[in-house]
Amino acid sequence: CPFCNIVLDRDLNASINIKALGQRVQAPTLASAGVA
């Protein structure tokens, strides 16, 4: 990142994106089940 100088490995970046996507999908599902 030219702004914060962070360097992420491509696989690490992909895993962060996959985790974020899973959490966005899971939250509404849990809320509709009355868990969250």
PDB file of N, CA and C in Angstrom:
ATOM      1  N   CYS A   1       0.847  -1.177   0.000  1.00  0.00           N
ATOM      2  CA  CYS A   1       0.000   0.000   0.000  1.00  0.00           C
ATOM      3  C   CYS A   1       0.892   1.240   0.000  1.00  0.00           C
ATOM      4  N   PRO A   2       0.707   2.124  -0.944  1.00  0.00           N
ATOM      5  CA  PRO A   2       1.550   3.316  -0.990  1.00  0.00           C
ATOM      6  C   PRO A   2       1.282   4.296   0.158  1.00  0.00           C
ATOM      7  N   PHE A   3       0.175   4.147   0.838  1.00  0.00           N
ATOM      8  CA  PHE A   3      -0.174   5.074   1.912  1.00  0.00           C
ATOM      9  C   PHE A   3       0.352   4.621   3.273  1.00  0.00           C
ATOM     10  N   CYS A   4       0.262   3.319   3.571  1.00  0.00           N
ATOM     11  CA  CYS A   4       0.676   2.830   4.897  1.00  0.00           C
ATOM     12  C   CYS A   4       1.909   1.932   4.841  1.00  0.00           C
ATOM     13  N   ASN A   5       2.435   1.652   3.662  1.00  0.00           N
ATOM     14  CA  ASN A   5       3.633   0.832   3.455  1.00  0.00           C
ATOM     15  C   ASN A   5       3.466  -0.623   3.880  1.00  0.00           C
ATOM     16  N   ILE A   6       2.234  -1.111   4.012  1.00  0.00           N
ATOM     17  CA  ILE A   6       2.021  -2.518   4.339  1.00  0.00           C
ATOM     18  C   ILE A   6       2.191  -3.359   3.076  1.00  0.00           C
ATOM     19  N   VAL A   7       2.812  -4.519   3.257  1.00  0.00           N
ATOM     20  CA  VAL A   7       3.011  -5.444   2.146  1.00  0.00           C
ATOM     21  C   VAL A   7       2.400  -6.777   2.557  1.00  0.00           C
ATOM     22  N   LEU A   8       1.406  -7.244   1.804  1.00  0.00           N
ATOM     23  CA  LEU A   8       0.752  -8.511   2.108  1.00  0.00           C
ATOM     24  C   LEU A   8       1.073  -9.527   1.027  1.00  0.00           C
ATOM     25  N   ASP A   9       1.374 -10.741   1.458  1.00  0.00           N
ATOM     26  CA  ASP A   9       1.519 -11.841   0.527  1.00  0.00           C
ATOM     27  C   ASP A   9       0.179 -12.054  -0.170  1.00  0.00           C
ATOM     28  N   ARG A  10       0.208 -12.471  -1.407  1.00  0.00           N
ATOM     29  CA  ARG A  10      -1.022 -12.647  -2.184  1.00  0.00           C
ATOM     30  C   ARG A  10      -1.974 -13.629  -1.506  1.00  0.00           C
ATOM     31  N   ASP A  11      -1.438 -14.724  -0.954  1.00  0.00           N
ATOM     32  CA  ASP A  11      -2.287 -15.719  -0.298  1.00  0.00           C
ATOM     33  C   ASP A  11      -2.881 -15.181   1.001  1.00  0.00           C
ATOM     34  N   LEU A  12      -2.111 -14.406   1.742  1.00  0.00           N
ATOM     35  CA  LEU A  12      -2.624 -13.802   2.971  1.00  0.00           C
ATOM     36  C   LEU A  12      -3.747 -12.830   2.645  1.00  0.00           C
ATOM     37  N   ASN A  13      -3.549 -12.022   1.628  1.00  0.00           N
ATOM     38  CA  ASN A  13      -4.580 -11.074   1.217  1.00  0.00           C
ATOM     39  C   ASN A  13      -5.849 -11.811   0.794  1.00  0.00           C
ATOM     40  N   ALA A  14      -5.700 -12.901   0.051  1.00  0.00           N
ATOM     41  CA  ALA A  14      -6.868 -13.680  -0.374  1.00  0.00           C
ATOM     42  C   ALA A  14      -7.594 -14.258   0.836  1.00  0.00           C
ATOM     43  N   SER A  15      -6.851 -14.756   1.815  1.00  0.00           N
ATOM     44  CA  SER A  15      -7.493 -15.341   2.996  1.00  0.00           C
ATOM     45  C   SER A  15      -8.249 -14.284   3.796  1.00  0.00           C
ATOM     46  N   ILE A  16      -7.715 -13.075   3.867  1.00  0.00           N
ATOM     47  CA  ILE A  16      -8.408 -11.982   4.558  1.00  0.00           C
ATOM     48  C   ILE A  16      -9.714 -11.657   3.838  1.00  0.00           C
ATOM     49  N   ASN A  17      -9.664 -11.613   2.511  1.00  0.00           N
ATOM     50  CA  ASN A  17     -10.870 -11.324   1.729  1.00  0.00           C
ATOM     51  C   ASN A  17     -11.912 -12.422   1.878  1.00  0.00           C
ATOM     52  N   ILE A  18     -11.488 -13.687   1.878  1.00  0.00           N
ATOM     53  CA  ILE A  18     -12.416 -14.811   2.025  1.00  0.00           C
ATOM     54  C   ILE A  18     -13.053 -14.789   3.413  1.00  0.00           C
ATOM     55  N   LYS A  19     -12.261 -14.512   4.436  1.00  0.00           N
ATOM     56  CA  LYS A  19     -12.797 -14.449   5.798  1.00  0.00           C
ATOM     57  C   LYS A  19     -13.838 -13.332   5.919  1.00  0.00           C
ATOM     58  N   ALA A  20     -13.528 -12.167   5.362  1.00  0.00           N
ATOM     59  CA  ALA A  20     -14.460 -11.037   5.422  1.00  0.00           C
ATOM     60  C   ALA A  20     -15.761 -11.372   4.702  1.00  0.00           C
ATOM     61  N   LEU A  21     -15.659 -12.021   3.557  1.00  0.00           N
ATOM     62  CA  LEU A  21     -16.855 -12.412   2.812  1.00  0.00           C
ATOM     63  C   LEU A  21     -17.690 -13.396   3.625  1.00  0.00           C
ATOM     64  N   GLY A  22     -17.052 -14.373   4.227  1.00  0.00           N
ATOM     65  CA  GLY A  22     -17.767 -15.353   5.044  1.00  0.00           C
ATOM     66  C   GLY A  22     -18.479 -14.709   6.216  1.00  0.00           C
ATOM     67  N   GLN A  23     -17.846 -13.735   6.839  1.00  0.00           N
ATOM     68  CA  GLN A  23     -18.469 -13.060   7.974  1.00  0.00           C
ATOM     69  C   GLN A  23     -19.652 -12.211   7.536  1.00  0.00           C
ATOM     70  N   ARG A  24     -19.564 -11.610   6.361  1.00  0.00           N
ATOM     71  CA  ARG A  24     -20.698 -10.822   5.852  1.00  0.00           C
ATOM     72  C   ARG A  24     -21.881 -11.724   5.526  1.00  0.00           C
ATOM     73  N   VAL A  25     -21.613 -12.914   5.027  1.00  0.00           N
ATOM     74  CA  VAL A  25     -22.682 -13.847   4.671  1.00  0.00           C
ATOM     75  C   VAL A  25     -23.262 -14.486   5.927  1.00  0.00           C
ATOM     76  N   GLN A  26     -22.400 -14.797   6.896  1.00  0.00           N
ATOM     77  CA  GLN A  26     -22.831 -15.503   8.095  1.00  0.00           C
ATOM     78  C   GLN A  26     -23.663 -14.624   9.026  1.00  0.00           C
ATOM     79  N   ALA A  27     -23.335 -13.361   9.175  1.00  0.00           N
ATOM     80  CA  ALA A  27     -24.024 -12.493  10.131  1.00  0.00           C
ATOM     81  C   ALA A  27     -25.530 -12.421   9.882  1.00  0.00           C
ATOM     82  N   PRO A  28     -26.000 -12.167   8.655  1.00  0.00           N
ATOM     83  CA  PRO A  28     -27.454 -12.137   8.440  1.00  0.00           C
ATOM     84  C   PRO A  28     -28.103 -13.499   8.682  1.00  0.00           C
ATOM     85  N   THR A  29     -27.376 -14.567   8.374  1.00  0.00           N
ATOM     86  CA  THR A  29     -27.916 -15.914   8.580  1.00  0.00           C
ATOM     87  C   THR A  29     -28.122 -16.179  10.063  1.00  0.00           C
ATOM     88  N   LEU A  30     -27.134 -15.832  10.886  1.00  0.00           N
ATOM     89  CA  LEU A  30     -27.253 -16.037  12.326  1.00  0.00           C
ATOM     90  C   LEU A  30     -28.335 -15.140  12.917  1.00  0.00           C
ATOM     91  N   ALA A  31     -28.432 -13.919  12.433  1.00  0.00           N
ATOM     92  CA  ALA A  31     -29.445 -12.996  12.942  1.00  0.00           C
ATOM     93  C   ALA A  31     -30.848 -13.512  12.639  1.00  0.00           C
ATOM     94  N   SER A  32     -31.040 -14.064  11.448  1.00  0.00           N
ATOM     95  CA  SER A  32     -32.366 -14.572  11.096  1.00  0.00           C
ATOM     96  C   SER A  32     -32.704 -15.837  11.874  1.00  0.00           C
ATOM     97  N   ALA A  33     -31.678 -16.535  12.371  1.00  0.00           N
ATOM     98  CA  ALA A  33     -31.911 -17.734  13.170  1.00  0.00           C
ATOM     99  C   ALA A  33     -32.082 -17.390  14.647  1.00  0.00           C
ATOM    100  N   GLY A  34     -31.912 -16.116  14.992  1.00  0.00           N
ATOM    101  CA  GLY A  34     -32.063 -15.689  16.376  1.00  0.00           C
ATOM    102  C   GLY A  34     -30.839 -15.946  17.224  1.00  0.00           C
ATOM    103  N   VAL A  35     -29.694 -16.202  16.600  1.00  0.00           N
ATOM    104  CA  VAL A  35     -28.472 -16.491  17.340  1.00  0.00           C
ATOM    105  C   VAL A  35     -27.716 -15.213  17.663  1.00  0.00           C
ATOM    106  N   ALA A  36     -27.671 -14.288  16.741  1.00  0.00           N
ATOM    107  CA  ALA A  36     -26.869 -13.072  16.943  1.00  0.00           C
ATOM    108  C   ALA A  36     -27.706 -11.948  17.509  1.00  0.00           C
TER     109      ALA A  36
END
